[in-house]
Amino acid sequence: MKGLFITGTDTEVGKTMITSGIASVLKEKQVDIGVYKPLLSGVSREHPKSDTSLLKEGSQTPLTYEEITPFEFKEPLAPYVAAKIEGRSIYLKDVLNHWEQIKEKHQYFLVEGAGGISVPLGPDFLVSDLITALNLPTIIVTRPNLGTINHTFLTVKYAQSIGVKIAGIIINGKNSDFDLAEQTNPDVIEKQCGVPILGITPKLEDINKEAVKQMIRDYIDVPKIIKNGGNEINQWTDNDFTYV
């Protein structure tokens, strides 16, 4: 199975925006792209601003909302906690069963987690357990400002300790008037973690599909992401990409 898993150092670091933007760029390059975000909390998957809707819009997949996100919960909490409040229990095997039903419907998949890599998704598994079960190379999305070095380093080292292959790091949401921390953090993160930074994206004032897609094209090395993930995709040789 060709694809990537997108996780983050925390919640609200922009995983969905990055994932949907990459999906949009790949779709533009005529890649047969699918998306999977198995668990969603705090909003209905059909809501136009939900992560599920944004991923579906970016990838233009014919997969249904329920196929993209089979498990949704009312409260904006870690999925395990949100499900527990509703008297439900979701297990890793449940998520993998749904994955088996859709994984052959596209040639390439982007799978997004919930929150950071250690967020509990069910009574017996974390985001990291899902990553290892799917055996997909992983992109880590992190924030740019003060404190991000520690969060990023811990995420990288934990991922590596359980055998996760890290394709690279994306620093998302750099301010236009960035301070000294935002200016110096990327070099420190790359050196300290020993993992390549694949892009540093600016904070968008107007978040919409076209703006996000253009941001990805301008600031993220998509071919390098695919190459680092160990996946071969049809050759790109236009003005935007050169990937062989």
C-alpha atoms as a PDB file:
ATOM      1  CA  MET A   1       0.000   0.000   0.000  1.00  0.00           C
ATOM      2  CA  LYS A   2       1.423   3.395  -1.013  1.00  0.00           C
ATOM      3  CA  GLY A   3       0.789   6.306   1.275  1.00  0.00           C
ATOM      4  CA  LEU A   4       1.738   8.481   4.219  1.00  0.00           C
ATOM      5  CA  PHE A   5       0.481   8.999   7.749  1.00  0.00           C
ATOM      6  CA  ILE A   6       0.246  12.596   8.972  1.00  0.00           C
ATOM      7  CA  THR A   7       0.552  13.177  12.702  1.00  0.00           C
ATOM      8  CA  GLY A   8       1.442  16.199  14.807  1.00  0.00           C
ATOM      9  CA  THR A   9       3.134  17.358  17.961  1.00  0.00           C
ATOM     10  CA  ASP A  10      -0.196  18.548  19.348  1.00  0.00           C
ATOM     11  CA  THR A  11      -3.763  19.351  18.429  1.00  0.00           C
ATOM     12  CA  GLU A  12      -4.470  22.413  16.243  1.00  0.00           C
ATOM     13  CA  VAL A  13      -1.048  22.391  14.582  1.00  0.00           C
ATOM     14  CA  GLY A  14      -2.596  22.246  11.118  1.00  0.00           C
ATOM     15  CA  LYS A  15      -2.496  18.544  10.252  1.00  0.00           C
ATOM     16  CA  THR A  16      -5.739  18.658   8.285  1.00  0.00           C
ATOM     17  CA  MET A  17      -4.794  21.766   6.346  1.00  0.00           C
ATOM     18  CA  ILE A  18      -1.441  20.244   5.397  1.00  0.00           C
ATOM     19  CA  THR A  19      -2.983  16.864   4.541  1.00  0.00           C
ATOM     20  CA  SER A  20      -5.780  18.317   2.436  1.00  0.00           C
ATOM     21  CA  GLY A  21      -3.333  20.638   0.679  1.00  0.00           C
ATOM     22  CA  ILE A  22      -0.948  17.814  -0.207  1.00  0.00           C
ATOM     23  CA  ALA A  23      -3.913  15.746  -1.393  1.00  0.00           C
ATOM     24  CA  SER A  24      -5.051  18.645  -3.570  1.00  0.00           C
ATOM     25  CA  VAL A  25      -1.625  19.037  -5.162  1.00  0.00           C
ATOM     26  CA  LEU A  26      -1.334  15.300  -5.797  1.00  0.00           C
ATOM     27  CA  LYS A  27      -4.808  15.252  -7.322  1.00  0.00           C
ATOM     28  CA  GLU A  28      -3.785  18.122  -9.582  1.00  0.00           C
ATOM     29  CA  LYS A  29      -0.895  15.935 -10.740  1.00  0.00           C
ATOM     30  CA  GLN A  30      -3.410  13.193 -11.602  1.00  0.00           C
ATOM     31  CA  VAL A  31      -2.419  10.961  -8.713  1.00  0.00           C
ATOM     32  CA  ASP A  32      -5.188   8.565  -7.670  1.00  0.00           C
ATOM     33  CA  ILE A  33      -5.368   9.908  -4.112  1.00  0.00           C
ATOM     34  CA  GLY A  34      -7.538   8.803  -1.187  1.00  0.00           C
ATOM     35  CA  VAL A  35      -7.822  10.053   2.380  1.00  0.00           C
ATOM     36  CA  TYR A  36      -8.614   8.359   5.678  1.00  0.00           C
ATOM     37  CA  LYS A  37      -9.217  10.019   9.048  1.00  0.00           C
ATOM     38  CA  PRO A  38     -10.785   7.202  11.034  1.00  0.00           C
ATOM     39  CA  LEU A  39     -11.746   9.089  14.186  1.00  0.00           C
ATOM     40  CA  LEU A  40     -13.211  12.580  14.544  1.00  0.00           C
ATOM     41  CA  SER A  41     -14.323  14.397  17.704  1.00  0.00           C
ATOM     42  CA  GLY A  42     -16.331  17.543  18.319  1.00  0.00           C
ATOM     43  CA  VAL A  43     -18.053  17.978  14.959  1.00  0.00           C
ATOM     44  CA  SER A  44     -20.113  15.987  12.497  1.00  0.00           C
ATOM     45  CA  ARG A  45     -18.080  14.535   9.617  1.00  0.00           C
ATOM     46  CA  GLU A  46     -20.606  16.044   7.152  1.00  0.00           C
ATOM     47  CA  HIS A  47     -20.116  19.561   8.508  1.00  0.00           C
ATOM     48  CA  PRO A  48     -18.513  21.683   5.758  1.00  0.00           C
ATOM     49  CA  LYS A  49     -15.721  22.808   8.110  1.00  0.00           C
ATOM     50  CA  SER A  50     -14.977  19.352   9.530  1.00  0.00           C
ATOM     51  CA  ASP A  51     -11.632  17.685   8.960  1.00  0.00           C
ATOM     52  CA  THR A  52     -13.432  14.984   6.985  1.00  0.00           C
ATOM     53  CA  SER A  53     -15.034  17.515   4.646  1.00  0.00           C
ATOM     54  CA  LEU A  54     -11.755  19.365   4.101  1.00  0.00           C
ATOM     55  CA  LEU A  55      -9.938  16.127   3.298  1.00  0.00           C
ATOM     56  CA  LYS A  56     -12.681  15.026   0.926  1.00  0.00           C
ATOM     57  CA  GLU A  57     -12.679  18.395  -0.825  1.00  0.00           C
ATOM     58  CA  GLY A  58      -8.893  18.467  -1.174  1.00  0.00           C
ATOM     59  CA  SER A  59      -8.555  14.934  -2.520  1.00  0.00           C
ATOM     60  CA  GLN A  60     -11.800  14.963  -4.542  1.00  0.00           C
ATOM     61  CA  THR A  61     -12.206  11.326  -3.585  1.00  0.00           C
ATOM     62  CA  PRO A  62     -15.537   9.598  -4.292  1.00  0.00           C
ATOM     63  CA  LEU A  63     -15.232   7.925  -0.894  1.00  0.00           C
ATOM     64  CA  THR A  64     -18.186   8.804   1.322  1.00  0.00           C
ATOM     65  CA  TYR A  65     -17.868  10.799   4.527  1.00  0.00           C
ATOM     66  CA  GLU A  66     -18.472   7.610   6.477  1.00  0.00           C
ATOM     67  CA  GLU A  67     -15.803   5.723   4.546  1.00  0.00           C
ATOM     68  CA  ILE A  68     -13.272   8.479   5.220  1.00  0.00           C
ATOM     69  CA  THR A  69     -14.274   8.790   8.886  1.00  0.00           C
ATOM     70  CA  PRO A  70     -16.126   5.737  10.184  1.00  0.00           C
ATOM     71  CA  PHE A  71     -16.101   6.896  13.831  1.00  0.00           C
ATOM     72  CA  GLU A  72     -17.331  10.295  15.005  1.00  0.00           C
ATOM     73  CA  PHE A  73     -17.981  11.601  18.516  1.00  0.00           C
ATOM     74  CA  LYS A  74     -19.863  14.605  19.824  1.00  0.00           C
ATOM     75  CA  GLU A  75     -17.468  15.984  22.441  1.00  0.00           C
ATOM     76  CA  PRO A  76     -14.235  17.778  21.364  1.00  0.00           C
ATOM     77  CA  LEU A  77     -11.988  15.420  23.318  1.00  0.00           C
ATOM     78  CA  ALA A  78      -9.477  12.683  22.639  1.00  0.00           C
ATOM     79  CA  PRO A  79     -11.441  10.007  20.729  1.00  0.00           C
ATOM     80  CA  TYR A  80     -11.087   7.427  23.507  1.00  0.00           C
ATOM     81  CA  VAL A  81     -12.525   9.840  26.084  1.00  0.00           C
ATOM     82  CA  ALA A  82     -15.239  11.147  23.747  1.00  0.00           C
ATOM     83  CA  ALA A  83     -16.311   7.594  22.915  1.00  0.00           C
ATOM     84  CA  LYS A  84     -16.303   6.582  26.578  1.00  0.00           C
ATOM     85  CA  ILE A  85     -18.697   9.417  27.422  1.00  0.00           C
ATOM     86  CA  GLU A  86     -21.065   7.998  24.793  1.00  0.00           C
ATOM     87  CA  GLY A  87     -20.726   4.492  26.206  1.00  0.00           C
ATOM     88  CA  ARG A  88     -18.786   3.278  23.194  1.00  0.00           C
ATOM     89  CA  SER A  89     -15.477   1.474  22.763  1.00  0.00           C
ATOM     90  CA  ILE A  90     -13.522   1.610  19.514  1.00  0.00           C
ATOM     91  CA  TYR A  91     -10.671  -0.859  19.115  1.00  0.00           C
ATOM     92  CA  LEU A  92      -7.736  -0.951  16.759  1.00  0.00           C
ATOM     93  CA  LYS A  93      -9.249  -3.918  14.932  1.00  0.00           C
ATOM     94  CA  ASP A  94     -12.351  -1.823  14.196  1.00  0.00           C
ATOM     95  CA  VAL A  95     -10.281   0.914  12.558  1.00  0.00           C
ATOM     96  CA  LEU A  96      -8.254  -1.644  10.594  1.00  0.00           C
ATOM     97  CA  ASN A  97     -11.418  -3.424   9.426  1.00  0.00           C
ATOM     98  CA  HIS A  98     -12.631  -0.180   7.844  1.00  0.00           C
ATOM     99  CA  TRP A  99      -9.199   0.413   6.361  1.00  0.00           C
ATOM    100  CA  GLU A 100      -9.314  -2.978   4.664  1.00  0.00           C
ATOM    101  CA  GLN A 101     -12.611  -1.996   3.041  1.00  0.00           C
ATOM    102  CA  ILE A 102     -11.241   1.154   1.389  1.00  0.00           C
ATOM    103  CA  LYS A 103      -7.476   0.764   0.922  1.00  0.00           C
ATOM    104  CA  GLU A 104      -7.754  -0.725  -2.569  1.00  0.00           C
ATOM    105  CA  LYS A 105     -10.069   2.027  -3.798  1.00  0.00           C
ATOM    106  CA  HIS A 106      -7.132   4.359  -4.462  1.00  0.00           C
ATOM    107  CA  GLN A 107      -3.520   3.836  -5.465  1.00  0.00           C
ATOM    108  CA  TYR A 108      -2.206   6.255  -2.829  1.00  0.00           C
ATOM    109  CA  PHE A 109      -3.557   7.264   0.572  1.00  0.00           C
ATOM    110  CA  LEU A 110      -2.975  10.041   3.085  1.00  0.00           C
ATOM    111  CA  VAL A 111      -4.045   8.959   6.571  1.00  0.00           C
ATOM    112  CA  GLU A 112      -4.491  11.561   9.306  1.00  0.00           C
ATOM    113  CA  GLY A 113      -4.432  10.899  13.017  1.00  0.00           C
ATOM    114  CA  ALA A 114      -6.072  12.843  15.851  1.00  0.00           C
ATOM    115  CA  GLY A 115      -4.043  15.302  17.889  1.00  0.00           C
ATOM    116  CA  GLY A 116      -0.494  14.192  18.662  1.00  0.00           C
ATOM    117  CA  ILE A 117       1.162  10.817  18.266  1.00  0.00           C
ATOM    118  CA  SER A 118       0.324   9.618  21.797  1.00  0.00           C
ATOM    119  CA  VAL A 119      -3.355  10.582  21.855  1.00  0.00           C
ATOM    120  CA  PRO A 120      -5.532   7.635  22.988  1.00  0.00           C
ATOM    121  CA  LEU A 121      -7.889   6.536  20.229  1.00  0.00           C
ATOM    122  CA  GLY A 122      -9.428   3.602  22.077  1.00  0.00           C
ATOM    123  CA  PRO A 123      -9.134   1.664  25.326  1.00  0.00           C
ATOM    124  CA  ASP A 124      -6.125  -0.264  24.080  1.00  0.00           C
ATOM    125  CA  PHE A 125      -4.392   1.866  21.463  1.00  0.00           C
ATOM    126  CA  LEU A 126      -2.835   5.226  20.692  1.00  0.00           C
ATOM    127  CA  VAL A 127      -2.228   7.088  17.431  1.00  0.00           C
ATOM    128  CA  SER A 128       1.236   5.510  17.409  1.00  0.00           C
ATOM    129  CA  ASP A 129      -0.296   2.023  17.478  1.00  0.00           C
ATOM    130  CA  LEU A 130      -2.360   2.878  14.421  1.00  0.00           C
ATOM    131  CA  ILE A 131       0.725   4.156  12.590  1.00  0.00           C
ATOM    132  CA  THR A 132       2.653   0.945  13.246  1.00  0.00           C
ATOM    133  CA  ALA A 133      -0.350  -1.211  12.322  1.00  0.00           C
ATOM    134  CA  LEU A 134      -0.728   0.562   8.975  1.00  0.00           C
ATOM    135  CA  ASN A 135       3.043   0.522   8.481  1.00  0.00           C
ATOM    136  CA  LEU A 136       3.075   3.869   6.704  1.00  0.00           C
ATOM    137  CA  PRO A 137       5.924   6.419   6.626  1.00  0.00           C
ATOM    138  CA  THR A 138       4.990   9.438   8.712  1.00  0.00           C
ATOM    139  CA  ILE A 139       5.071  13.206   8.397  1.00  0.00           C
ATOM    140  CA  ILE A 140       5.160  15.182  11.636  1.00  0.00           C
ATOM    141  CA  VAL A 141       3.463  18.593  11.574  1.00  0.00           C
ATOM    142  CA  THR A 142       4.670  21.002  14.213  1.00  0.00           C
ATOM    143  CA  ARG A 143       4.220  24.643  15.148  1.00  0.00           C
ATOM    144  CA  PRO A 144       6.924  27.282  14.595  1.00  0.00           C
ATOM    145  CA  ASN A 145       7.113  29.199  17.855  1.00  0.00           C
ATOM    146  CA  LEU A 146       8.781  28.971  21.262  1.00  0.00           C
ATOM    147  CA  GLY A 147       8.513  25.509  22.807  1.00  0.00           C
ATOM    148  CA  THR A 148       8.276  23.627  19.541  1.00  0.00           C
ATOM    149  CA  ILE A 149      11.828  22.225  19.739  1.00  0.00           C
ATOM    150  CA  ASN A 150      10.996  20.150  22.806  1.00  0.00           C
ATOM    151  CA  HIS A 151       7.634  18.922  21.484  1.00  0.00           C
ATOM    152  CA  THR A 152       9.084  18.042  18.091  1.00  0.00           C
ATOM    153  CA  PHE A 153      12.139  16.275  19.478  1.00  0.00           C
ATOM    154  CA  LEU A 154      10.055  14.153  21.867  1.00  0.00           C
ATOM    155  CA  THR A 155       7.634  13.219  19.078  1.00  0.00           C
ATOM    156  CA  VAL A 156      10.436  12.247  16.707  1.00  0.00           C
ATOM    157  CA  LYS A 157      12.338  10.204  19.277  1.00  0.00           C
ATOM    158  CA  TYR A 158       9.244   8.365  20.466  1.00  0.00           C
ATOM    159  CA  ALA A 159       8.248   7.568  16.874  1.00  0.00           C
ATOM    160  CA  GLN A 160      11.726   6.287  16.101  1.00  0.00           C
ATOM    161  CA  SER A 161      11.794   4.192  19.278  1.00  0.00           C
ATOM    162  CA  ILE A 162       8.794   2.168  18.096  1.00  0.00           C
ATOM    163  CA  GLY A 163      10.107   1.752  14.566  1.00  0.00           C
ATOM    164  CA  VAL A 164       8.116   4.427  12.732  1.00  0.00           C
ATOM    165  CA  LYS A 165       9.771   5.646   9.537  1.00  0.00           C
ATOM    166  CA  ILE A 166       9.681   9.449   9.501  1.00  0.00           C
ATOM    167  CA  ALA A 167       9.525  10.993   6.034  1.00  0.00           C
ATOM    168  CA  GLY A 168      10.123  14.463   7.444  1.00  0.00           C
ATOM    169  CA  ILE A 169       8.835  17.420   9.434  1.00  0.00           C
ATOM    170  CA  ILE A 170       6.611  20.276   8.287  1.00  0.00           C
ATOM    171  CA  ILE A 171       6.635  23.461  10.357  1.00  0.00           C
ATOM    172  CA  ASN A 172       3.244  25.087   9.935  1.00  0.00           C
ATOM    173  CA  GLY A 173       1.911  28.558  10.683  1.00  0.00           C
ATOM    174  CA  LYS A 174       4.940  30.837  10.616  1.00  0.00           C
ATOM    175  CA  ASN A 175       3.958  34.414  11.439  1.00  0.00           C
ATOM    176  CA  SER A 176       4.681  37.221   8.991  1.00  0.00           C
ATOM    177  CA  ASP A 177       6.436  39.150  11.778  1.00  0.00           C
ATOM    178  CA  PHE A 178       8.261  36.069  13.031  1.00  0.00           C
ATOM    179  CA  ASP A 179      10.392  36.480  16.135  1.00  0.00           C
ATOM    180  CA  LEU A 180      13.852  35.157  16.915  1.00  0.00           C
ATOM    181  CA  ALA A 181      12.508  31.787  18.093  1.00  0.00           C
ATOM    182  CA  GLU A 182      10.639  31.197  14.824  1.00  0.00           C
ATOM    183  CA  GLN A 183      13.712  32.292  12.896  1.00  0.00           C
ATOM    184  CA  THR A 184      16.126  29.922  14.653  1.00  0.00           C
ATOM    185  CA  ASN A 185      13.910  26.920  15.481  1.00  0.00           C
ATOM    186  CA  PRO A 186      14.032  25.176  12.067  1.00  0.00           C
ATOM    187  CA  ASP A 187      17.809  24.742  12.039  1.00  0.00           C
ATOM    188  CA  VAL A 188      17.835  23.529  15.632  1.00  0.00           C
ATOM    189  CA  ILE A 189      14.971  21.079  15.014  1.00  0.00           C
ATOM    190  CA  GLU A 190      16.597  19.604  11.916  1.00  0.00           C
ATOM    191  CA  LYS A 191      19.988  19.238  13.606  1.00  0.00           C
ATOM    192  CA  GLN A 192      18.684  17.946  16.932  1.00  0.00           C
ATOM    193  CA  CYS A 193      16.151  15.509  15.457  1.00  0.00           C
ATOM    194  CA  GLY A 194      18.216  14.351  12.491  1.00  0.00           C
ATOM    195  CA  VAL A 195      15.072  14.457  10.343  1.00  0.00           C
ATOM    196  CA  PRO A 196      14.648  16.666   7.248  1.00  0.00           C
ATOM    197  CA  ILE A 197      12.320  19.650   7.299  1.00  0.00           C
ATOM    198  CA  LEU A 198      10.189  19.381   4.171  1.00  0.00           C
ATOM    199  CA  GLY A 199       8.666  22.825   4.372  1.00  0.00           C
ATOM    200  CA  ILE A 200       7.882  25.852   6.515  1.00  0.00           C
ATOM    201  CA  THR A 201       4.430  27.199   5.773  1.00  0.00           C
ATOM    202  CA  PRO A 202       3.077  30.653   6.639  1.00  0.00           C
ATOM    203  CA  LYS A 203       0.004  31.362   8.709  1.00  0.00           C
ATOM    204  CA  LEU A 204      -2.887  31.864   6.302  1.00  0.00           C
ATOM    205  CA  GLU A 205      -5.335  34.685   6.934  1.00  0.00           C
ATOM    206  CA  ASP A 206      -7.916  33.268   4.534  1.00  0.00           C
ATOM    207  CA  ILE A 207      -8.083  29.483   4.659  1.00  0.00           C
ATOM    208  CA  ASN A 208      -9.719  28.058   1.544  1.00  0.00           C
ATOM    209  CA  LYS A 209      -8.942  25.226  -0.848  1.00  0.00           C
ATOM    210  CA  GLU A 210      -7.106  27.301  -3.447  1.00  0.00           C
ATOM    211  CA  ALA A 211      -5.090  29.267  -0.880  1.00  0.00           C
ATOM    212  CA  VAL A 212      -4.033  26.077   0.895  1.00  0.00           C
ATOM    213  CA  LYS A 213      -3.098  24.360  -2.368  1.00  0.00           C
ATOM    214  CA  GLN A 214      -1.011  27.326  -3.461  1.00  0.00           C
ATOM    215  CA  MET A 215       0.692  27.406  -0.063  1.00  0.00           C
ATOM    216  CA  ILE A 216       1.668  23.754  -0.423  1.00  0.00           C
ATOM    217  CA  ARG A 217       2.993  24.363  -3.949  1.00  0.00           C
ATOM    218  CA  ASP A 218       5.018  27.370  -2.790  1.00  0.00           C
ATOM    219  CA  TYR A 219       6.417  26.149   0.520  1.00  0.00           C
ATOM    220  CA  ILE A 220       6.471  22.334   0.649  1.00  0.00           C
ATOM    221  CA  ASP A 221       8.664  19.962  -1.318  1.00  0.00           C
ATOM    222  CA  VAL A 222       5.954  17.464  -2.259  1.00  0.00           C
ATOM    223  CA  PRO A 223       8.188  15.276  -4.461  1.00  0.00           C
ATOM    224  CA  LYS A 224      10.667  14.989  -1.592  1.00  0.00           C
ATOM    225  CA  ILE A 225       7.829  13.951   0.723  1.00  0.00           C
ATOM    226  CA  ILE A 226       6.886  11.149  -1.642  1.00  0.00           C
ATOM    227  CA  LYS A 227      10.498  10.122  -2.195  1.00  0.00           C
ATOM    228  CA  ASN A 228      11.322  10.145   1.525  1.00  0.00           C
ATOM    229  CA  GLY A 229       8.259   8.029   2.134  1.00  0.00           C
ATOM    230  CA  GLY A 230       9.707   5.368  -0.158  1.00  0.00           C
ATOM    231  CA  ASN A 231       6.801   5.603  -2.593  1.00  0.00           C
ATOM    232  CA  GLU A 232       7.098   5.771  -6.346  1.00  0.00           C
ATOM    233  CA  ILE A 233       4.501   7.862  -8.174  1.00  0.00           C
ATOM    234  CA  ASN A 234       4.271   8.484 -11.901  1.00  0.00           C
ATOM    235  CA  GLN A 235       6.969  10.835 -13.119  1.00  0.00           C
ATOM    236  CA  TRP A 236       6.401  14.582 -12.772  1.00  0.00           C
ATOM    237  CA  THR A 237       8.324  16.783 -15.187  1.00  0.00           C
ATOM    238  CA  ASP A 238       6.382  20.039 -15.543  1.00  0.00           C
ATOM    239  CA  ASN A 239       7.311  23.496 -14.314  1.00  0.00           C
ATOM    240  CA  ASP A 240       6.162  22.781 -10.794  1.00  0.00           C
ATOM    241  CA  PHE A 241       7.822  19.430 -10.059  1.00  0.00           C
ATOM    242  CA  THR A 242      10.713  17.390 -11.263  1.00  0.00           C
ATOM    243  CA  TYR A 243      10.586  13.947  -9.741  1.00  0.00           C
ATOM    244  CA  VAL A 244      12.109  10.881 -11.302  1.00  0.00           C
END
